[in-house]
Amino acid sequence: MKLSVVLPLVFALFAASENANRNCWGDGKCQQHGCQLEVLKKKIYGKKGGLFKIWKEGTELACCGDGEERLCAYTEKDMSMTDVTGALVNLLELGCRRCGQYDGLIIKA
């Protein structure tokens, strides 16, 4: 096989794996009305500990809304406030309104 055929395939596979943990997907509850990512972001920003606070994997960072409108943020790995802040900003830039996943941060209904 020629390198010109293999190289684009390698780049496509790498890009797909890089974007696999960056999305706005979720279950059906993510498509309902309720607490929005922007509100959850403000709750997380209000947490004490500063930029160097570290949250362990599986930590519930914050929740908003009740019942079917509930939305919560969790860490999927150890993350600093700087990591969480960057992930939240990137989810909003992706166009996520309610649910999403970005580099170790997961927002789910």
PDB file of N, CA and C in Angstrom:
ATOM      1  N   MET A   1       0.832  -1.175   0.000  1.00  0.00           N
ATOM      2  CA  MET A   1       0.000   0.000   0.000  1.00  0.00           C
ATOM      3  C   MET A   1       0.881   1.245   0.000  1.00  0.00           C
ATOM      4  N   LYS A   2       0.442   2.233  -0.680  1.00  0.00           N
ATOM      5  CA  LYS A   2       1.202   3.466  -0.730  1.00  0.00           C
ATOM      6  C   LYS A   2       0.988   4.269   0.550  1.00  0.00           C
ATOM      7  N   LEU A   3       1.992   5.014   0.901  1.00  0.00           N
ATOM      8  CA  LEU A   3       1.924   5.868   2.081  1.00  0.00           C
ATOM      9  C   LEU A   3       0.809   6.906   1.942  1.00  0.00           C
ATOM     10  N   SER A   4       0.574   7.367   0.722  1.00  0.00           N
ATOM     11  CA  SER A   4      -0.458   8.382   0.499  1.00  0.00           C
ATOM     12  C   SER A   4      -1.861   7.848   0.790  1.00  0.00           C
ATOM     13  N   VAL A   5      -2.042   6.539   0.770  1.00  0.00           N
ATOM     14  CA  VAL A   5      -3.332   5.923   1.088  1.00  0.00           C
ATOM     15  C   VAL A   5      -3.433   5.653   2.589  1.00  0.00           C
ATOM     16  N   VAL A   6      -2.354   5.224   3.194  1.00  0.00           N
ATOM     17  CA  VAL A   6      -2.350   4.837   4.605  1.00  0.00           C
ATOM     18  C   VAL A   6      -2.402   6.055   5.527  1.00  0.00           C
ATOM     19  N   LEU A   7      -1.661   7.089   5.202  1.00  0.00           N
ATOM     20  CA  LEU A   7      -1.558   8.250   6.074  1.00  0.00           C
ATOM     21  C   LEU A   7      -2.905   8.914   6.371  1.00  0.00           C
ATOM     22  N   PRO A   8      -3.755   9.186   5.376  1.00  0.00           N
ATOM     23  CA  PRO A   8      -5.060   9.771   5.699  1.00  0.00           C
ATOM     24  C   PRO A   8      -5.907   8.869   6.602  1.00  0.00           C
ATOM     25  N   LEU A   9      -5.794   7.562   6.422  1.00  0.00           N
ATOM     26  CA  LEU A   9      -6.538   6.623   7.259  1.00  0.00           C
ATOM     27  C   LEU A   9      -6.066   6.705   8.709  1.00  0.00           C
ATOM     28  N   VAL A  10      -4.773   6.786   8.915  1.00  0.00           N
ATOM     29  CA  VAL A  10      -4.213   6.905  10.268  1.00  0.00           C
ATOM     30  C   VAL A  10      -4.688   8.197  10.920  1.00  0.00           C
ATOM     31  N   PHE A  11      -4.645   9.298  10.192  1.00  0.00           N
ATOM     32  CA  PHE A  11      -5.106  10.576  10.740  1.00  0.00           C
ATOM     33  C   PHE A  11      -6.593  10.534  11.074  1.00  0.00           C
ATOM     34  N   ALA A  12      -7.397   9.911  10.248  1.00  0.00           N
ATOM     35  CA  ALA A  12      -8.840   9.803  10.504  1.00  0.00           C
ATOM     36  C   ALA A  12      -9.117   8.990  11.762  1.00  0.00           C
ATOM     37  N   LEU A  13      -8.403   7.890  11.942  1.00  0.00           N
ATOM     38  CA  LEU A  13      -8.579   7.069  13.144  1.00  0.00           C
ATOM     39  C   LEU A  13      -8.152   7.821  14.394  1.00  0.00           C
ATOM     40  N   PHE A  14      -7.058   8.560  14.305  1.00  0.00           N
ATOM     41  CA  PHE A  14      -6.590   9.345  15.442  1.00  0.00           C
ATOM     42  C   PHE A  14      -7.605  10.420  15.803  1.00  0.00           C
ATOM     43  N   ALA A  15      -8.135  11.118  14.819  1.00  0.00           N
ATOM     44  CA  ALA A  15      -9.127  12.166  15.072  1.00  0.00           C
ATOM     45  C   ALA A  15     -10.387  11.583  15.691  1.00  0.00           C
ATOM     46  N   ALA A  16     -10.813  10.432  15.236  1.00  0.00           N
ATOM     47  CA  ALA A  16     -12.016   9.796  15.788  1.00  0.00           C
ATOM     48  C   ALA A  16     -11.805   9.413  17.242  1.00  0.00           C
ATOM     49  N   SER A  17     -10.637   8.895  17.578  1.00  0.00           N
ATOM     50  CA  SER A  17     -10.383   8.507  18.968  1.00  0.00           C
ATOM     51  C   SER A  17     -10.241   9.732  19.857  1.00  0.00           C
ATOM     52  N   GLU A  18      -9.690  10.813  19.347  1.00  0.00           N
ATOM     53  CA  GLU A  18      -9.564  12.044  20.119  1.00  0.00           C
ATOM     54  C   GLU A  18     -10.930  12.652  20.433  1.00  0.00           C
ATOM     55  N   ASN A  19     -11.875  12.568  19.506  1.00  0.00           N
ATOM     56  CA  ASN A  19     -13.192  13.164  19.691  1.00  0.00           C
ATOM     57  C   ASN A  19     -14.181  12.237  20.375  1.00  0.00           C
ATOM     58  N   ALA A  20     -13.791  11.002  20.641  1.00  0.00           N
ATOM     59  CA  ALA A  20     -14.709  10.030  21.229  1.00  0.00           C
ATOM     60  C   ALA A  20     -15.183  10.449  22.610  1.00  0.00           C
ATOM     61  N   ASN A  21     -14.355  11.173  23.360  1.00  0.00           N
ATOM     62  CA  ASN A  21     -14.767  11.588  24.691  1.00  0.00           C
ATOM     63  C   ASN A  21     -15.125  13.069  24.744  1.00  0.00           C
ATOM     64  N   ARG A  22     -15.559  13.600  23.624  1.00  0.00           N
ATOM     65  CA  ARG A  22     -15.988  14.999  23.543  1.00  0.00           C
ATOM     66  C   ARG A  22     -17.302  15.048  22.783  1.00  0.00           C
ATOM     67  N   ASN A  23     -18.395  15.174  23.528  1.00  0.00           N
ATOM     68  CA  ASN A  23     -19.690  15.168  22.857  1.00  0.00           C
ATOM     69  C   ASN A  23     -20.763  15.809  23.718  1.00  0.00           C
ATOM     70  N   CYS A  24     -21.928  16.007  23.124  1.00  0.00           N
ATOM     71  CA  CYS A  24     -23.098  16.550  23.816  1.00  0.00           C
ATOM     72  C   CYS A  24     -24.170  15.486  23.974  1.00  0.00           C
ATOM     73  N   TRP A  25     -23.810  14.222  23.843  1.00  0.00           N
ATOM     74  CA  TRP A  25     -24.791  13.151  23.890  1.00  0.00           C
ATOM     75  C   TRP A  25     -25.207  12.851  25.308  1.00  0.00           C
ATOM     76  N   GLY A  26     -26.301  12.124  25.415  1.00  0.00           N
ATOM     77  CA  GLY A  26     -26.807  11.666  26.698  1.00  0.00           C
ATOM     78  C   GLY A  26     -28.078  10.886  26.460  1.00  0.00           C
ATOM     79  N   ASP A  27     -28.749  10.522  27.526  1.00  0.00           N
ATOM     80  CA  ASP A  27     -29.996   9.775  27.353  1.00  0.00           C
ATOM     81  C   ASP A  27     -31.139  10.725  26.996  1.00  0.00           C
ATOM     82  N   GLY A  28     -32.347  10.204  26.923  1.00  0.00           N
ATOM     83  CA  GLY A  28     -33.514  10.992  26.541  1.00  0.00           C
ATOM     84  C   GLY A  28     -33.775  12.184  27.438  1.00  0.00           C
ATOM     85  N   LYS A  29     -33.371  12.084  28.707  1.00  0.00           N
ATOM     86  CA  LYS A  29     -33.587  13.191  29.641  1.00  0.00           C
ATOM     87  C   LYS A  29     -32.779  14.423  29.244  1.00  0.00           C
ATOM     88  N   CYS A  30     -31.737  14.222  28.475  1.00  0.00           N
ATOM     89  CA  CYS A  30     -30.905  15.343  28.048  1.00  0.00           C
ATOM     90  C   CYS A  30     -31.634  16.235  27.048  1.00  0.00           C
ATOM     91  N   GLN A  31     -32.655  15.699  26.426  1.00  0.00           N
ATOM     92  CA  GLN A  31     -33.398  16.458  25.422  1.00  0.00           C
ATOM     93  C   GLN A  31     -34.580  17.205  26.024  1.00  0.00           C
ATOM     94  N   GLN A  32     -34.814  17.032  27.327  1.00  0.00           N
ATOM     95  CA  GLN A  32     -35.939  17.680  27.989  1.00  0.00           C
ATOM     96  C   GLN A  32     -35.529  19.054  28.498  1.00  0.00           C
ATOM     97  N   HIS A  33     -36.568  19.811  28.886  1.00  0.00           N
ATOM     98  CA  HIS A  33     -36.304  21.092  29.533  1.00  0.00           C
ATOM     99  C   HIS A  33     -35.787  20.818  30.929  1.00  0.00           C
ATOM    100  N   GLY A  34     -35.143  21.765  31.495  1.00  0.00           N
ATOM    101  CA  GLY A  34     -34.628  21.610  32.846  1.00  0.00           C
ATOM    102  C   GLY A  34     -33.387  22.446  33.029  1.00  0.00           C
ATOM    103  N   CYS A  35     -32.671  22.133  34.066  1.00  0.00           N
ATOM    104  CA  CYS A  35     -31.437  22.851  34.370  1.00  0.00           C
ATOM    105  C   CYS A  35     -30.502  22.794  33.158  1.00  0.00           C
ATOM    106  N   GLN A  36     -29.875  23.902  32.874  1.00  0.00           N
ATOM    107  CA  GLN A  36     -28.978  23.999  31.724  1.00  0.00           C
ATOM    108  C   GLN A  36     -27.515  24.005  32.176  1.00  0.00           C
ATOM    109  N   LEU A  37     -26.641  23.679  31.286  1.00  0.00           N
ATOM    110  CA  LEU A  37     -25.207  23.621  31.552  1.00  0.00           C
ATOM    111  C   LEU A  37     -24.679  24.950  32.101  1.00  0.00           C
ATOM    112  N   GLU A  38     -25.197  26.047  31.609  1.00  0.00           N
ATOM    113  CA  GLU A  38     -24.749  27.371  32.061  1.00  0.00           C
ATOM    114  C   GLU A  38     -25.007  27.560  33.557  1.00  0.00           C
ATOM    115  N   VAL A  39     -26.150  27.088  34.057  1.00  0.00           N
ATOM    116  CA  VAL A  39     -26.478  27.184  35.486  1.00  0.00           C
ATOM    117  C   VAL A  39     -25.534  26.293  36.291  1.00  0.00           C
ATOM    118  N   LEU A  40     -25.308  25.098  35.803  1.00  0.00           N
ATOM    119  CA  LEU A  40     -24.410  24.158  36.474  1.00  0.00           C
ATOM    120  C   LEU A  40     -22.989  24.725  36.537  1.00  0.00           C
ATOM    121  N   LYS A  41     -22.567  25.378  35.475  1.00  0.00           N
ATOM    122  CA  LYS A  41     -21.236  25.993  35.429  1.00  0.00           C
ATOM    123  C   LYS A  41     -21.075  27.007  36.560  1.00  0.00           C
ATOM    124  N   LYS A  42     -22.091  27.829  36.778  1.00  0.00           N
ATOM    125  CA  LYS A  42     -22.028  28.838  37.845  1.00  0.00           C
ATOM    126  C   LYS A  42     -21.923  28.184  39.218  1.00  0.00           C
ATOM    127  N   LYS A  43     -22.637  27.081  39.424  1.00  0.00           N
ATOM    128  CA  LYS A  43     -22.554  26.364  40.699  1.00  0.00           C
ATOM    129  C   LYS A  43     -21.146  25.804  40.922  1.00  0.00           C
ATOM    130  N   ILE A  44     -20.558  25.272  39.881  1.00  0.00           N
ATOM    131  CA  ILE A  44     -19.209  24.710  39.999  1.00  0.00           C
ATOM    132  C   ILE A  44     -18.192  25.822  40.242  1.00  0.00           C
ATOM    133  N   TYR A  45     -18.319  26.939  39.522  1.00  0.00           N
ATOM    134  CA  TYR A  45     -17.395  28.059  39.703  1.00  0.00           C
ATOM    135  C   TYR A  45     -17.474  28.617  41.120  1.00  0.00           C
ATOM    136  N   GLY A  46     -18.626  28.471  41.772  1.00  0.00           N
ATOM    137  CA  GLY A  46     -18.814  28.978  43.128  1.00  0.00           C
ATOM    138  C   GLY A  46     -18.195  28.110  44.211  1.00  0.00           C
ATOM    139  N   LYS A  47     -17.665  26.970  43.847  1.00  0.00           N
ATOM    140  CA  LYS A  47     -17.061  26.061  44.836  1.00  0.00           C
ATOM    141  C   LYS A  47     -15.764  26.652  45.383  1.00  0.00           C
ATOM    142  N   LYS A  48     -15.511  26.354  46.637  1.00  0.00           N
ATOM    143  CA  LYS A  48     -14.283  26.827  47.282  1.00  0.00           C
ATOM    144  C   LYS A  48     -13.109  25.910  46.918  1.00  0.00           C
ATOM    145  N   GLY A  49     -11.918  26.460  47.001  1.00  0.00           N
ATOM    146  CA  GLY A  49     -10.731  25.644  46.770  1.00  0.00           C
ATOM    147  C   GLY A  49      -9.776  26.231  45.753  1.00  0.00           C
ATOM    148  N   GLY A  50     -10.234  27.175  44.967  1.00  0.00           N
ATOM    149  CA  GLY A  50      -9.351  27.817  44.012  1.00  0.00           C
ATOM    150  C   GLY A  50      -9.023  26.956  42.803  1.00  0.00           C
ATOM    151  N   LEU A  51      -8.173  27.500  41.956  1.00  0.00           N
ATOM    152  CA  LEU A  51      -7.816  26.847  40.696  1.00  0.00           C
ATOM    153  C   LEU A  51      -7.064  25.540  40.877  1.00  0.00           C
ATOM    154  N   PHE A  52      -6.444  25.345  42.028  1.00  0.00           N
ATOM    155  CA  PHE A  52      -5.607  24.165  42.223  1.00  0.00           C
ATOM    156  C   PHE A  52      -6.296  23.066  43.022  1.00  0.00           C
ATOM    157  N   LYS A  53      -7.573  23.263  43.319  1.00  0.00           N
ATOM    158  CA  LYS A  53      -8.356  22.218  43.989  1.00  0.00           C
ATOM    159  C   LYS A  53      -8.379  20.996  43.077  1.00  0.00           C
ATOM    160  N   ILE A  54      -8.196  19.803  43.658  1.00  0.00           N
ATOM    161  CA  ILE A  54      -8.231  18.552  42.890  1.00  0.00           C
ATOM    162  C   ILE A  54      -9.418  17.724  43.352  1.00  0.00           C
ATOM    163  N   TRP A  55     -10.229  17.295  42.396  1.00  0.00           N
ATOM    164  CA  TRP A  55     -11.342  16.397  42.682  1.00  0.00           C
ATOM    165  C   TRP A  55     -10.970  15.008  42.197  1.00  0.00           C
ATOM    166  N   LYS A  56     -11.242  14.017  43.010  1.00  0.00           N
ATOM    167  CA  LYS A  56     -10.948  12.624  42.674  1.00  0.00           C
ATOM    168  C   LYS A  56     -11.938  12.092  41.638  1.00  0.00           C
ATOM    169  N   GLU A  57     -11.554  11.048  40.949  1.00  0.00           N
ATOM    170  CA  GLU A  57     -12.417  10.372  39.975  1.00  0.00           C
ATOM    171  C   GLU A  57     -13.737   9.975  40.637  1.00  0.00           C
ATOM    172  N   GLY A  58     -14.849  10.238  39.951  1.00  0.00           N
ATOM    173  CA  GLY A  58     -16.168   9.861  40.453  1.00  0.00           C
ATOM    174  C   GLY A  58     -16.820  10.882  41.361  1.00  0.00           C
ATOM    175  N   THR A  59     -16.188  12.031  41.558  1.00  0.00           N
ATOM    176  CA  THR A  59     -16.739  13.071  42.422  1.00  0.00           C
ATOM    177  C   THR A  59     -17.926  13.756  41.750  1.00  0.00           C
ATOM    178  N   GLU A  60     -19.009  13.938  42.500  1.00  0.00           N
ATOM    179  CA  GLU A  60     -20.133  14.749  42.029  1.00  0.00           C
ATOM    180  C   GLU A  60     -19.775  16.197  42.337  1.00  0.00           C
ATOM    181  N   LEU A  61     -19.609  17.003  41.311  1.00  0.00           N
ATOM    182  CA  LEU A  61     -19.190  18.393  41.489  1.00  0.00           C
ATOM    183  C   LEU A  61     -20.348  19.293  41.881  1.00  0.00           C
ATOM    184  N   ALA A  62     -21.477  19.131  41.222  1.00  0.00           N
ATOM    185  CA  ALA A  62     -22.644  19.967  41.495  1.00  0.00           C
ATOM    186  C   ALA A  62     -23.848  19.399  40.759  1.00  0.00           C
ATOM    187  N   CYS A  63     -25.031  19.751  41.258  1.00  0.00           N
ATOM    188  CA  CYS A  63     -26.293  19.397  40.605  1.00  0.00           C
ATOM    189  C   CYS A  63     -27.211  20.610  40.628  1.00  0.00           C
ATOM    190  N   CYS A  64     -28.145  20.645  39.710  1.00  0.00           N
ATOM    191  CA  CYS A  64     -29.175  21.677  39.717  1.00  0.00           C
ATOM    192  C   CYS A  64     -30.461  21.071  39.171  1.00  0.00           C
ATOM    193  N   GLY A  65     -31.577  21.667  39.528  1.00  0.00           N
ATOM    194  CA  GLY A  65     -32.875  21.166  39.091  1.00  0.00           C
ATOM    195  C   GLY A  65     -33.355  20.011  39.950  1.00  0.00           C
ATOM    196  N   ASP A  66     -34.629  19.679  39.791  1.00  0.00           N
ATOM    197  CA  ASP A  66     -35.253  18.592  40.547  1.00  0.00           C
ATOM    198  C   ASP A  66     -35.919  17.601  39.603  1.00  0.00           C
ATOM    199  N   GLY A  67     -36.036  16.371  40.048  1.00  0.00           N
ATOM    200  CA  GLY A  67     -36.751  15.343  39.287  1.00  0.00           C
ATOM    201  C   GLY A  67     -36.205  15.172  37.889  1.00  0.00           C
ATOM    202  N   GLU A  68     -37.096  15.227  36.904  1.00  0.00           N
ATOM    203  CA  GLU A  68     -36.715  15.042  35.494  1.00  0.00           C
ATOM    204  C   GLU A  68     -35.843  16.183  34.970  1.00  0.00           C
ATOM    205  N   GLU A  69     -35.842  17.316  35.673  1.00  0.00           N
ATOM    206  CA  GLU A  69     -35.065  18.474  35.232  1.00  0.00           C
ATOM    207  C   GLU A  69     -33.662  18.501  35.836  1.00  0.00           C
ATOM    208  N   ARG A  70     -33.344  17.515  36.657  1.00  0.00           N
ATOM    209  CA  ARG A  70     -32.060  17.461  37.363  1.00  0.00           C
ATOM    210  C   ARG A  70     -30.901  17.252  36.383  1.00  0.00           C
ATOM    211  N   LEU A  71     -29.797  17.895  36.683  1.00  0.00           N
ATOM    212  CA  LEU A  71     -28.582  17.808  35.884  1.00  0.00           C
ATOM    213  C   LEU A  71     -27.399  17.825  36.846  1.00  0.00           C
ATOM    214  N   CYS A  72     -26.441  16.917  36.663  1.00  0.00           N
ATOM    215  CA  CYS A  72     -25.288  16.826  37.567  1.00  0.00           C
ATOM    216  C   CYS A  72     -23.989  16.711  36.778  1.00  0.00           C
ATOM    217  N   ALA A  73     -22.921  17.201  37.394  1.00  0.00           N
ATOM    218  CA  ALA A  73     -21.576  17.110  36.815  1.00  0.00           C
ATOM    219  C   ALA A  73     -20.725  16.182  37.664  1.00  0.00           C
ATOM    220  N   TYR A  74     -19.996  15.288  37.000  1.00  0.00           N
ATOM    221  CA  TYR A  74     -19.132  14.315  37.673  1.00  0.00           C
ATOM    222  C   TYR A  74     -17.767  14.301  37.003  1.00  0.00           C
ATOM    223  N   THR A  75     -16.768  13.885  37.773  1.00  0.00           N
ATOM    224  CA  THR A  75     -15.438  13.683  37.195  1.00  0.00           C
ATOM    225  C   THR A  75     -15.276  12.212  36.836  1.00  0.00           C
ATOM    226  N   GLU A  76     -14.654  11.951  35.698  1.00  0.00           N
ATOM    227  CA  GLU A  76     -14.351  10.578  35.280  1.00  0.00           C
ATOM    228  C   GLU A  76     -12.885  10.239  35.537  1.00  0.00           C
ATOM    229  N   LYS A  77     -12.147  11.210  36.029  1.00  0.00           N
ATOM    230  CA  LYS A  77     -10.739  11.036  36.395  1.00  0.00           C
ATOM    231  C   LYS A  77     -10.418  12.135  37.404  1.00  0.00           C
ATOM    232  N   ASP A  78      -9.254  12.085  38.024  1.00  0.00           N
ATOM    233  CA  ASP A  78      -8.842  13.171  38.911  1.00  0.00           C
ATOM    234  C   ASP A  78      -8.706  14.437  38.071  1.00  0.00           C
ATOM    235  N   MET A  79      -9.320  15.533  38.549  1.00  0.00           N
ATOM    236  CA  MET A  79      -9.314  16.781  37.784  1.00  0.00           C
ATOM    237  C   MET A  79      -9.125  17.971  38.713  1.00  0.00           C
ATOM    238  N   SER A  80      -8.385  18.967  38.241  1.00  0.00           N
ATOM    239  CA  SER A  80      -8.240  20.222  38.973  1.00  0.00           C
ATOM    240  C   SER A  80      -9.366  21.163  38.548  1.00  0.00           C
ATOM    241  N   MET A  81      -9.535  22.239  39.298  1.00  0.00           N
ATOM    242  CA  MET A  81     -10.538  23.242  38.929  1.00  0.00           C
ATOM    243  C   MET A  81     -10.216  23.811  37.553  1.00  0.00           C
ATOM    244  N   THR A  82      -8.941  23.952  37.243  1.00  0.00           N
ATOM    245  CA  THR A  82      -8.539  24.438  35.921  1.00  0.00           C
ATOM    246  C   THR A  82      -8.992  23.471  34.827  1.00  0.00           C
ATOM    247  N   ASP A  83      -8.829  22.169  35.059  1.00  0.00           N
ATOM    248  CA  ASP A  83      -9.283  21.155  34.094  1.00  0.00           C
ATOM    249  C   ASP A  83     -10.792  21.225  33.902  1.00  0.00           C
ATOM    250  N   VAL A  84     -11.518  21.306  35.020  1.00  0.00           N
ATOM    251  CA  VAL A  84     -12.986  21.339  34.982  1.00  0.00           C
ATOM    252  C   VAL A  84     -13.466  22.590  34.258  1.00  0.00           C
ATOM    253  N   THR A  85     -12.857  23.724  34.584  1.00  0.00           N
ATOM    254  CA  THR A  85     -13.227  24.989  33.947  1.00  0.00           C
ATOM    255  C   THR A  85     -13.021  24.909  32.434  1.00  0.00           C
ATOM    256  N   GLY A  86     -11.879  24.389  32.016  1.00  0.00           N
ATOM    257  CA  GLY A  86     -11.605  24.246  30.586  1.00  0.00           C
ATOM    258  C   GLY A  86     -12.602  23.334  29.899  1.00  0.00           C
ATOM    259  N   ALA A  87     -12.944  22.218  30.546  1.00  0.00           N
ATOM    260  CA  ALA A  87     -13.910  21.278  29.967  1.00  0.00           C
ATOM    261  C   ALA A  87     -15.289  21.917  29.841  1.00  0.00           C
ATOM    262  N   LEU A  88     -15.711  22.666  30.866  1.00  0.00           N
ATOM    263  CA  LEU A  88     -17.016  23.339  30.813  1.00  0.00           C
ATOM    264  C   LEU A  88     -17.071  24.344  29.669  1.00  0.00           C
ATOM    265  N   VAL A  89     -16.040  25.146  29.541  1.00  0.00           N
ATOM    266  CA  VAL A  89     -15.985  26.137  28.460  1.00  0.00           C
ATOM    267  C   VAL A  89     -16.038  25.436  27.103  1.00  0.00           C
ATOM    268  N   ASN A  90     -15.302  24.350  26.959  1.00  0.00           N
ATOM    269  CA  ASN A  90     -15.292  23.616  25.691  1.00  0.00           C
ATOM    270  C   ASN A  90     -16.638  22.976  25.384  1.00  0.00           C
ATOM    271  N   LEU A  91     -17.336  22.458  26.397  1.00  0.00           N
ATOM    272  CA  LEU A  91     -18.678  21.904  26.171  1.00  0.00           C
ATOM    273  C   LEU A  91     -19.626  22.988  25.668  1.00  0.00           C
ATOM    274  N   LEU A  92     -19.555  24.165  26.272  1.00  0.00           N
ATOM    275  CA  LEU A  92     -20.409  25.269  25.827  1.00  0.00           C
ATOM    276  C   LEU A  92     -20.048  25.695  24.408  1.00  0.00           C
ATOM    277  N   GLU A  93     -18.762  25.717  24.091  1.00  0.00           N
ATOM    278  CA  GLU A  93     -18.331  26.070  22.730  1.00  0.00           C
ATOM    279  C   GLU A  93     -18.760  25.024  21.708  1.00  0.00           C
ATOM    280  N   LEU A  94     -18.875  23.759  22.139  1.00  0.00           N
ATOM    281  CA  LEU A  94     -19.379  22.701  21.252  1.00  0.00           C
ATOM    282  C   LEU A  94     -20.874  22.869  20.976  1.00  0.00           C
ATOM    283  N   GLY A  95     -21.535  23.689  21.803  1.00  0.00           N
ATOM    284  CA  GLY A  95     -22.969  23.896  21.640  1.00  0.00           C
ATOM    285  C   GLY A  95     -23.811  23.054  22.579  1.00  0.00           C
ATOM    286  N   CYS A  96     -23.185  22.407  23.554  1.00  0.00           N
ATOM    287  CA  CYS A  96     -23.942  21.592  24.516  1.00  0.00           C
ATOM    288  C   CYS A  96     -24.799  22.508  25.388  1.00  0.00           C
ATOM    289  N   ARG A  97     -26.045  22.117  25.587  1.00  0.00           N
ATOM    290  CA  ARG A  97     -26.953  22.897  26.425  1.00  0.00           C
ATOM    291  C   ARG A  97     -27.227  22.226  27.755  1.00  0.00           C
ATOM    292  N   ARG A  98     -27.313  20.888  27.749  1.00  0.00           N
ATOM    293  CA  ARG A  98     -27.689  20.167  28.961  1.00  0.00           C
ATOM    294  C   ARG A  98     -26.702  19.073  29.330  1.00  0.00           C
ATOM    295  N   CYS A  99     -26.426  18.183  28.462  1.00  0.00           N
ATOM    296  CA  CYS A  99     -25.540  17.052  28.764  1.00  0.00           C
ATOM    297  C   CYS A  99     -24.274  17.142  27.927  1.00  0.00           C
ATOM    298  N   GLY A 100     -23.267  16.401  28.349  1.00  0.00           N
ATOM    299  CA  GLY A 100     -22.052  16.359  27.565  1.00  0.00           C
ATOM    300  C   GLY A 100     -20.930  15.662  28.291  1.00  0.00           C
ATOM    301  N   GLN A 101     -19.880  15.418  27.542  1.00  0.00           N
ATOM    302  CA  GLN A 101     -18.684  14.771  28.068  1.00  0.00           C
ATOM    303  C   GLN A 101     -17.489  15.424  27.397  1.00  0.00           C
ATOM    304  N   TYR A 102     -16.498  15.789  28.205  1.00  0.00           N
ATOM    305  CA  TYR A 102     -15.311  16.417  27.631  1.00  0.00           C
ATOM    306  C   TYR A 102     -14.110  16.139  28.522  1.00  0.00           C
ATOM    307  N   ASP A 103     -13.174  15.368  28.041  1.00  0.00           N
ATOM    308  CA  ASP A 103     -11.886  15.112  28.697  1.00  0.00           C
ATOM    309  C   ASP A 103     -11.978  14.874  30.200  1.00  0.00           C
ATOM    310  N   GLY A 104     -12.825  13.957  30.617  1.00  0.00           N
ATOM    311  CA  GLY A 104     -12.892  13.584  32.027  1.00  0.00           C
ATOM    312  C   GLY A 104     -14.023  14.207  32.808  1.00  0.00           C
ATOM    313  N   LEU A 105     -14.732  15.143  32.208  1.00  0.00           N
ATOM    314  CA  LEU A 105     -15.900  15.753  32.853  1.00  0.00           C
ATOM    315  C   LEU A 105     -17.143  15.234  32.154  1.00  0.00           C
ATOM    316  N   ILE A 106     -18.112  14.767  32.922  1.00  0.00           N
ATOM    317  CA  ILE A 106     -19.360  14.292  32.323  1.00  0.00           C
ATOM    318  C   ILE A 106     -20.529  15.012  32.983  1.00  0.00           C
ATOM    319  N   ILE A 107     -21.422  15.515  32.150  1.00  0.00           N
ATOM    320  CA  ILE A 107     -22.628  16.193  32.606  1.00  0.00           C
ATOM    321  C   ILE A 107     -23.786  15.313  32.169  1.00  0.00           C
ATOM    322  N   LYS A 108     -24.584  14.848  33.132  1.00  0.00           N
ATOM    323  CA  LYS A 108     -25.688  13.965  32.753  1.00  0.00           C
ATOM    324  C   LYS A 108     -26.939  14.259  33.556  1.00  0.00           C
ATOM    325  N   ALA A 109     -28.066  13.915  32.925  1.00  0.00           N
ATOM    326  CA  ALA A 109     -29.377  14.130  33.540  1.00  0.00           C
ATOM    327  C   ALA A 109     -29.751  12.921  34.368  1.00  0.00           C
TER     328      ALA A 109
END
